[in-house]
N, C-alpha and C. Protein backbone atom coordinates (compact mmCIF):
# COMPACT_ATOMS: atom_id res chain seq x y z
N MET A 1 16.37 6.72 -8.57
CA MET A 1 15.24 6.90 -9.58
C MET A 1 13.71 6.62 -8.80
N GLY A 2 13.94 6.01 -7.58
CA GLY A 2 12.85 5.39 -6.90
C GLY A 2 12.43 6.71 -6.01
N ASN A 3 13.53 7.34 -5.24
CA ASN A 3 13.33 8.37 -4.76
C ASN A 3 12.80 9.75 -5.58
N LEU A 4 13.41 10.12 -7.03
CA LEU A 4 13.04 10.61 -7.56
C LEU A 4 11.54 10.93 -7.85
N GLN A 5 11.05 9.69 -8.04
CA GLN A 5 9.51 9.10 -8.25
C GLN A 5 8.73 9.55 -6.92
N PHE A 6 9.74 9.24 -6.27
CA PHE A 6 8.59 9.33 -4.51
C PHE A 6 8.48 10.64 -4.38
N LEU A 7 9.44 11.40 -4.57
CA LEU A 7 9.62 12.95 -4.38
C LEU A 7 8.55 13.67 -5.51
N SER A 8 8.39 13.54 -7.06
CA SER A 8 7.25 14.13 -7.61
C SER A 8 5.85 13.29 -7.44
N GLN A 9 5.85 12.41 -6.79
CA GLN A 9 4.57 11.86 -6.32
C GLN A 9 4.11 13.37 -5.14
N ILE A 10 4.79 13.09 -4.53
CA ILE A 10 4.72 14.03 -3.22
C ILE A 10 4.15 15.52 -3.54
N GLY A 11 5.16 16.05 -4.45
CA GLY A 11 4.94 17.49 -5.10
C GLY A 11 3.57 17.50 -6.07
N LEU A 12 3.48 16.49 -6.40
CA LEU A 12 1.82 16.27 -7.15
C LEU A 12 1.15 16.13 -6.24
N ILE A 13 0.97 15.89 -4.86
CA ILE A 13 -0.09 16.33 -3.78
C ILE A 13 -0.24 16.96 -3.48
N LEU A 14 0.67 17.86 -3.14
CA LEU A 14 0.93 19.13 -2.61
C LEU A 14 0.28 20.20 -3.51
N PHE A 15 0.52 19.82 -5.00
CA PHE A 15 -0.09 20.63 -5.90
C PHE A 15 -1.25 20.63 -5.93
N MET A 16 -1.61 19.37 -5.85
CA MET A 16 -3.40 18.98 -6.01
C MET A 16 -3.73 19.88 -4.65
N PHE A 17 -3.12 19.56 -3.88
CA PHE A 17 -4.09 20.46 -2.33
C PHE A 17 -4.10 21.87 -2.62
N ILE A 18 -3.52 22.41 -3.15
CA ILE A 18 -2.82 23.76 -3.36
C ILE A 18 -4.13 24.26 -4.30
N VAL A 19 -4.34 23.31 -5.26
CA VAL A 19 -5.22 23.83 -6.45
C VAL A 19 -6.85 23.37 -5.70
N GLY A 20 -6.92 22.73 -5.31
CA GLY A 20 -8.39 22.23 -4.47
C GLY A 20 -9.02 23.50 -3.16
N MET A 21 -7.50 23.97 -2.72
CA MET A 21 -7.46 24.93 -1.68
C MET A 21 -8.39 26.15 -2.06
N GLU A 22 -8.26 26.46 -3.50
CA GLU A 22 -8.24 28.01 -4.41
C GLU A 22 -9.43 28.03 -5.04
N LEU A 23 -10.34 26.61 -5.34
CA LEU A 23 -11.66 26.04 -5.71
C LEU A 23 -12.74 26.69 -4.74
N ASP A 24 -13.51 27.22 -5.47
CA ASP A 24 -15.01 28.01 -4.87
C ASP A 24 -16.21 26.68 -4.90
N LEU A 25 -16.39 25.99 -3.55
CA LEU A 25 -17.15 25.34 -3.44
C LEU A 25 -18.62 25.58 -3.84
N LYS A 26 -19.17 27.05 -3.61
CA LYS A 26 -20.08 27.47 -3.97
C LYS A 26 -20.85 27.14 -5.67
N MET A 27 -19.48 27.65 -5.84
CA MET A 27 -19.94 27.70 -7.98
C MET A 27 -19.79 26.01 -7.80
N LEU A 28 -18.80 25.56 -7.60
CA LEU A 28 -18.63 24.09 -7.72
C LEU A 28 -19.82 23.41 -7.89
N ARG A 29 -21.05 23.32 -6.51
CA ARG A 29 -22.09 23.04 -6.52
C ARG A 29 -22.94 23.05 -7.42
N LYS A 30 -23.12 24.39 -7.61
CA LYS A 30 -23.89 25.02 -8.71
C LYS A 30 -23.80 24.25 -9.81
N GLN A 31 -22.54 23.76 -10.62
CA GLN A 31 -22.23 23.67 -11.65
C GLN A 31 -22.23 22.12 -11.72
N THR A 32 -22.67 21.26 -11.14
CA THR A 32 -22.29 19.89 -10.94
C THR A 32 -23.20 18.86 -12.17
N HIS A 33 -24.09 19.53 -12.68
CA HIS A 33 -25.03 18.31 -13.16
C HIS A 33 -24.43 18.95 -14.43
N ASP A 34 -24.01 20.29 -14.86
CA ASP A 34 -23.25 20.63 -16.34
C ASP A 34 -21.90 19.89 -16.52
N ALA A 35 -21.50 19.87 -15.67
CA ALA A 35 -20.06 19.06 -15.14
C ALA A 35 -19.97 17.91 -15.78
N VAL A 36 -21.14 17.21 -15.23
CA VAL A 36 -20.71 15.88 -15.29
C VAL A 36 -21.42 15.58 -16.52
N VAL A 37 -22.68 16.06 -17.34
CA VAL A 37 -22.86 16.34 -18.78
C VAL A 37 -21.52 16.29 -19.79
N ILE A 38 -20.77 17.37 -19.50
CA ILE A 38 -19.61 17.63 -20.34
C ILE A 38 -18.50 16.75 -19.98
N SER A 39 -18.67 16.21 -19.06
CA SER A 39 -17.51 15.10 -18.93
C SER A 39 -17.83 13.96 -19.27
N HIS A 40 -19.21 13.09 -18.87
CA HIS A 40 -19.32 12.30 -19.99
C HIS A 40 -18.91 12.20 -21.28
N ALA A 41 -19.74 13.68 -22.04
CA ALA A 41 -19.81 13.51 -23.30
C ALA A 41 -17.84 13.65 -23.83
N SER A 42 -17.21 14.33 -23.18
CA SER A 42 -15.77 14.56 -23.47
C SER A 42 -14.96 12.95 -22.96
N ILE A 43 -15.59 11.73 -22.40
CA ILE A 43 -15.27 10.67 -22.57
C ILE A 43 -15.93 9.39 -24.27
N ILE A 44 -17.12 9.95 -24.10
CA ILE A 44 -17.59 8.71 -24.89
C ILE A 44 -16.82 9.59 -26.56
N VAL A 45 -17.04 10.48 -26.72
CA VAL A 45 -16.38 11.45 -28.21
C VAL A 45 -14.92 10.46 -28.09
N PRO A 46 -14.00 10.38 -27.34
CA PRO A 46 -12.65 10.26 -27.81
C PRO A 46 -12.79 9.03 -27.49
N PHE A 47 -13.31 7.82 -26.54
CA PHE A 47 -13.55 6.77 -26.88
C PHE A 47 -13.55 6.11 -27.79
N ALA A 48 -15.10 6.28 -28.37
CA ALA A 48 -15.26 6.14 -29.75
C ALA A 48 -14.24 6.30 -30.98
N LEU A 49 -13.61 7.45 -30.84
CA LEU A 49 -12.47 7.80 -31.66
C LEU A 49 -11.29 7.02 -31.65
N GLY A 50 -11.21 6.55 -30.35
CA GLY A 50 -10.24 5.71 -30.64
C GLY A 50 -10.50 3.91 -30.64
N ILE A 51 -11.29 3.80 -30.56
CA ILE A 51 -11.76 2.37 -31.16
C ILE A 51 -12.13 2.31 -32.62
N GLY A 52 -12.53 3.78 -33.15
CA GLY A 52 -12.08 3.92 -34.97
C GLY A 52 -11.20 3.71 -35.60
N LEU A 53 -9.81 4.49 -34.32
CA LEU A 53 -8.63 4.46 -34.53
C LEU A 53 -7.97 2.99 -34.29
N ALA A 54 -8.38 2.09 -33.34
CA ALA A 54 -7.79 0.97 -33.29
C ALA A 54 -7.84 0.17 -34.50
N TYR A 55 -9.18 0.39 -35.17
CA TYR A 55 -9.30 -0.58 -36.26
C TYR A 55 -8.72 -0.48 -37.60
N PHE A 56 -7.92 1.07 -37.57
CA PHE A 56 -6.78 1.03 -39.01
C PHE A 56 -5.70 0.70 -38.63
N ILE A 57 -5.49 0.73 -36.86
CA ILE A 57 -4.09 0.36 -37.13
C ILE A 57 -3.88 -0.69 -36.33
N TYR A 58 -4.86 -1.71 -35.86
CA TYR A 58 -4.62 -2.76 -35.41
C TYR A 58 -3.77 -4.24 -36.28
N GLU A 59 -3.92 -4.18 -37.23
CA GLU A 59 -2.99 -4.93 -37.96
C GLU A 59 -1.13 -4.92 -37.77
N SER A 60 -1.14 -3.43 -37.72
CA SER A 60 0.42 -2.74 -37.49
C SER A 60 1.05 -2.95 -36.34
N PHE A 61 0.16 -2.52 -35.45
CA PHE A 61 0.52 -2.33 -34.12
C PHE A 61 0.05 -3.00 -32.96
N ALA A 62 -1.03 -4.17 -32.87
CA ALA A 62 -1.22 -5.17 -31.66
C ALA A 62 -0.36 -6.18 -31.89
N PRO A 63 -0.14 -6.54 -30.51
CA PRO A 63 1.36 -7.45 -30.28
C PRO A 63 0.39 -8.98 -30.79
N GLU A 64 1.22 -9.53 -30.60
CA GLU A 64 0.83 -11.30 -31.24
C GLU A 64 -0.16 -11.36 -30.12
N GLY A 65 -1.34 -12.17 -30.84
CA GLY A 65 -2.47 -12.91 -29.75
C GLY A 65 -3.09 -12.31 -28.83
N VAL A 66 -3.38 -10.83 -29.36
CA VAL A 66 -3.98 -9.72 -28.95
C VAL A 66 -5.47 -9.83 -29.87
N GLN A 67 -6.12 -9.77 -28.69
CA GLN A 67 -7.66 -10.11 -29.94
C GLN A 67 -7.67 -8.00 -30.51
N PHE A 68 -9.13 -8.26 -31.28
CA PHE A 68 -9.13 -6.84 -31.38
C PHE A 68 -10.04 -6.24 -30.34
N LEU A 69 -11.02 -7.08 -29.82
CA LEU A 69 -11.46 -6.24 -28.42
C LEU A 69 -10.77 -5.58 -27.51
N SER A 70 -9.50 -6.35 -27.16
CA SER A 70 -8.90 -5.83 -26.32
C SER A 70 -7.88 -4.72 -26.78
N PHE A 71 -7.43 -4.65 -27.52
CA PHE A 71 -7.03 -3.23 -28.48
C PHE A 71 -7.41 -2.35 -28.68
N GLY A 72 -8.90 -2.38 -28.84
CA GLY A 72 -9.73 -1.84 -29.27
C GLY A 72 -10.28 -1.14 -28.17
N LEU A 73 -10.50 -2.01 -27.26
CA LEU A 73 -11.15 -1.04 -25.89
C LEU A 73 -9.67 -0.33 -24.96
N PHE A 74 -8.77 -0.83 -25.25
CA PHE A 74 -7.76 0.10 -25.14
C PHE A 74 -7.16 0.90 -25.31
N MET A 75 -7.39 1.37 -26.54
CA MET A 75 -7.30 2.57 -27.32
C MET A 75 -7.90 3.87 -27.28
N GLY A 76 -9.37 2.96 -27.03
CA GLY A 76 -10.36 3.68 -26.88
C GLY A 76 -10.25 4.66 -24.96
N ILE A 77 -10.27 3.64 -24.06
CA ILE A 77 -9.92 4.42 -22.92
C ILE A 77 -8.48 5.18 -22.58
N ALA A 78 -7.48 4.95 -23.15
CA ALA A 78 -6.27 5.71 -23.52
C ALA A 78 -6.32 7.26 -23.77
N MET A 79 -7.39 7.25 -24.90
CA MET A 79 -7.68 8.64 -25.57
C MET A 79 -8.89 9.28 -24.66
N SER A 80 -9.18 8.69 -23.61
CA SER A 80 -10.48 9.09 -23.00
C SER A 80 -9.96 10.15 -21.54
N ILE A 81 -8.70 9.39 -21.08
CA ILE A 81 -8.57 10.32 -19.74
C ILE A 81 -7.97 11.42 -20.01
N THR A 82 -8.30 12.36 -19.42
CA THR A 82 -7.85 13.53 -18.78
C THR A 82 -6.49 13.80 -17.93
N ALA A 83 -5.65 14.54 -18.53
CA ALA A 83 -4.59 14.90 -17.12
C ALA A 83 -4.92 15.62 -16.73
N PHE A 84 -5.60 15.80 -15.51
CA PHE A 84 -5.99 16.28 -14.39
C PHE A 84 -5.09 17.24 -13.63
N PRO A 85 -4.11 16.98 -13.57
CA PRO A 85 -2.83 17.87 -12.47
C PRO A 85 -2.25 18.86 -13.81
N VAL A 86 -2.27 18.50 -15.19
CA VAL A 86 -2.14 19.32 -15.97
C VAL A 86 -2.68 20.10 -16.41
N LEU A 87 -4.07 19.79 -16.32
CA LEU A 87 -5.10 20.77 -17.17
C LEU A 87 -5.45 21.94 -15.58
N ALA A 88 -5.17 21.25 -14.22
CA ALA A 88 -5.13 22.24 -12.82
C ALA A 88 -4.39 23.36 -13.49
N ARG A 89 -2.79 22.68 -13.28
CA ARG A 89 -1.71 23.66 -13.82
C ARG A 89 -2.26 24.99 -14.69
N ILE A 90 -3.04 24.42 -15.90
CA ILE A 90 -2.88 25.49 -16.78
C ILE A 90 -4.44 26.96 -16.09
N VAL A 91 -5.08 26.12 -15.65
CA VAL A 91 -6.26 26.63 -14.76
C VAL A 91 -5.77 28.00 -14.05
N GLN A 92 -4.75 27.01 -13.14
CA GLN A 92 -4.01 28.16 -11.91
C GLN A 92 -3.13 29.31 -12.73
N GLU A 93 -2.57 29.30 -13.62
CA GLU A 93 -1.42 29.86 -14.24
C GLU A 93 -2.95 30.91 -15.09
N ARG A 94 -3.60 30.71 -15.65
CA ARG A 94 -4.53 31.56 -16.21
C ARG A 94 -5.25 32.59 -15.54
N GLY A 95 -5.14 32.05 -13.87
CA GLY A 95 -6.31 32.74 -12.57
C GLY A 95 -7.52 32.52 -13.24
N ILE A 96 -7.99 31.39 -13.16
CA ILE A 96 -9.02 31.21 -13.73
C ILE A 96 -9.88 30.56 -12.39
N THR A 97 -8.97 29.96 -11.55
CA THR A 97 -9.56 28.89 -10.76
C THR A 97 -10.86 29.77 -9.73
N LYS A 98 -11.15 30.80 -9.61
CA LYS A 98 -12.33 31.44 -8.78
C LYS A 98 -13.56 31.80 -9.74
N THR A 99 -13.19 31.57 -11.02
CA THR A 99 -14.42 32.02 -11.86
C THR A 99 -15.41 30.54 -12.32
N ARG A 100 -16.55 31.32 -13.07
CA ARG A 100 -17.50 29.99 -13.28
C ARG A 100 -16.79 28.79 -14.33
N LEU A 101 -16.25 29.26 -15.27
CA LEU A 101 -15.13 28.44 -16.30
C LEU A 101 -14.41 27.42 -15.68
N GLY A 102 -13.51 28.52 -14.50
CA GLY A 102 -12.56 27.76 -13.93
C GLY A 102 -12.93 26.63 -12.97
N ALA A 103 -14.16 26.81 -12.34
CA ALA A 103 -14.94 25.78 -11.62
C ALA A 103 -15.20 24.55 -12.54
N ILE A 104 -16.27 24.83 -13.36
CA ILE A 104 -16.58 24.05 -14.64
C ILE A 104 -15.20 22.84 -14.96
N VAL A 105 -14.75 23.70 -15.70
CA VAL A 105 -13.37 22.69 -16.26
C VAL A 105 -12.50 21.78 -14.79
N ILE A 106 -12.35 22.55 -13.65
CA ILE A 106 -11.99 21.31 -12.69
C ILE A 106 -12.97 20.20 -12.71
N THR A 107 -14.57 20.83 -12.20
CA THR A 107 -15.28 19.73 -11.67
C THR A 107 -15.39 18.58 -12.95
N CYS A 108 -15.08 18.93 -14.18
CA CYS A 108 -15.60 17.95 -15.54
C CYS A 108 -14.05 17.49 -15.45
N ALA A 109 -12.85 17.45 -15.18
CA ALA A 109 -11.48 16.71 -15.35
C ALA A 109 -11.87 15.77 -13.89
N ALA A 110 -12.47 16.38 -13.10
CA ALA A 110 -12.59 15.44 -11.37
C ALA A 110 -13.51 14.34 -12.09
N ALA A 111 -14.46 14.84 -12.87
CA ALA A 111 -15.74 13.85 -13.05
C ALA A 111 -15.06 12.88 -13.96
N ASP A 112 -14.26 13.24 -14.89
CA ASP A 112 -13.73 12.55 -16.04
C ASP A 112 -12.86 11.65 -15.43
N ASP A 113 -11.77 11.96 -14.61
CA ASP A 113 -11.02 11.10 -14.27
C ASP A 113 -11.61 9.86 -13.23
N ILE A 114 -12.56 10.00 -12.72
CA ILE A 114 -13.40 9.04 -11.71
C ILE A 114 -13.89 8.25 -12.78
N THR A 115 -14.98 8.55 -13.69
CA THR A 115 -15.47 7.91 -14.75
C THR A 115 -14.50 7.11 -15.45
N ALA A 116 -13.27 7.70 -15.95
CA ALA A 116 -12.52 7.36 -17.05
C ALA A 116 -11.59 5.92 -16.30
N TRP A 117 -11.23 6.47 -14.78
CA TRP A 117 -10.86 4.95 -14.12
C TRP A 117 -11.49 4.00 -14.02
N CYS A 118 -12.65 4.14 -14.03
CA CYS A 118 -13.58 3.17 -13.84
C CYS A 118 -14.08 2.34 -14.70
N ILE A 119 -13.80 3.13 -15.97
CA ILE A 119 -13.70 2.18 -17.05
C ILE A 119 -12.82 1.14 -17.54
N LEU A 120 -11.38 2.03 -17.23
CA LEU A 120 -10.36 1.47 -17.32
C LEU A 120 -10.23 0.24 -16.45
N ALA A 121 -10.86 0.46 -15.29
CA ALA A 121 -11.18 -1.37 -14.45
C ALA A 121 -11.62 -2.35 -14.98
N ALA A 122 -12.85 -1.56 -15.95
CA ALA A 122 -13.72 -2.65 -16.46
C ALA A 122 -13.05 -3.07 -17.74
N VAL A 123 -12.55 -2.20 -18.58
CA VAL A 123 -11.74 -2.83 -19.61
C VAL A 123 -10.35 -4.03 -19.12
N ILE A 124 -9.90 -3.68 -18.19
CA ILE A 124 -9.11 -4.62 -17.50
C ILE A 124 -9.59 -5.99 -17.29
N ALA A 125 -10.86 -6.05 -16.56
CA ALA A 125 -11.59 -7.25 -16.13
C ALA A 125 -11.84 -8.19 -17.64
N ILE A 126 -12.65 -7.09 -18.44
CA ILE A 126 -12.79 -7.68 -19.69
C ILE A 126 -11.49 -8.39 -20.36
N VAL A 127 -10.77 -7.66 -20.50
CA VAL A 127 -9.18 -8.16 -21.29
C VAL A 127 -8.82 -9.49 -20.28
N LYS A 128 -8.52 -9.58 -19.33
CA LYS A 128 -8.29 -10.60 -18.69
C LYS A 128 -9.19 -11.98 -18.61
N ALA A 129 -10.26 -11.71 -18.34
CA ALA A 129 -11.62 -12.54 -18.60
C ALA A 129 -11.73 -13.04 -20.33
N GLY A 130 -11.50 -12.42 -21.30
CA GLY A 130 -11.61 -13.05 -22.27
C GLY A 130 -12.68 -12.42 -23.01
N SER A 131 -13.77 -12.35 -22.66
CA SER A 131 -14.87 -11.62 -22.76
C SER A 131 -16.06 -10.94 -21.89
N PHE A 132 -16.58 -10.28 -22.62
CA PHE A 132 -17.57 -9.46 -21.39
C PHE A 132 -18.45 -10.38 -20.80
N THR A 133 -19.21 -11.29 -21.01
CA THR A 133 -19.74 -12.05 -20.04
C THR A 133 -18.75 -13.16 -19.04
N SER A 134 -17.89 -13.42 -19.47
CA SER A 134 -16.87 -13.79 -18.38
C SER A 134 -16.16 -13.02 -17.33
N SER A 135 -16.20 -11.65 -17.85
CA SER A 135 -15.75 -10.31 -17.07
C SER A 135 -16.79 -10.40 -15.97
N LEU A 136 -18.40 -10.51 -16.11
CA LEU A 136 -18.81 -10.36 -15.31
C LEU A 136 -19.18 -11.05 -14.35
N ILE A 137 -18.40 -12.35 -14.48
CA ILE A 137 -18.88 -13.16 -13.36
C ILE A 137 -17.24 -13.67 -12.68
């Protein structure tokens, strides 16, 4: 099973390389500001909805001893992360990698992934430390 996982990661890396090679960087640079705004909106809305959902399912699904803050933050970030390889494959199959829309979509997904993974690191720090203030220390 370990070999299969290794091969799948190599395949994913090669696929992402191919998608990156097909992108028009000139168009990407023109759309950076729009893509970052759209990306952050696509993080904030699902994050808020995930915390709202956590409020309703906390009693049923939270393990013993897990605080609502930890559960809510995890639900929020889990709803916010985009499946970048899946989106890249959809864009490639539709043949829109060289269009304005394709460039915006890929740029948004990349910015979304970078931001969401940074937020996930912050959430893990908060959960491990027990509170927001102690996570800063």
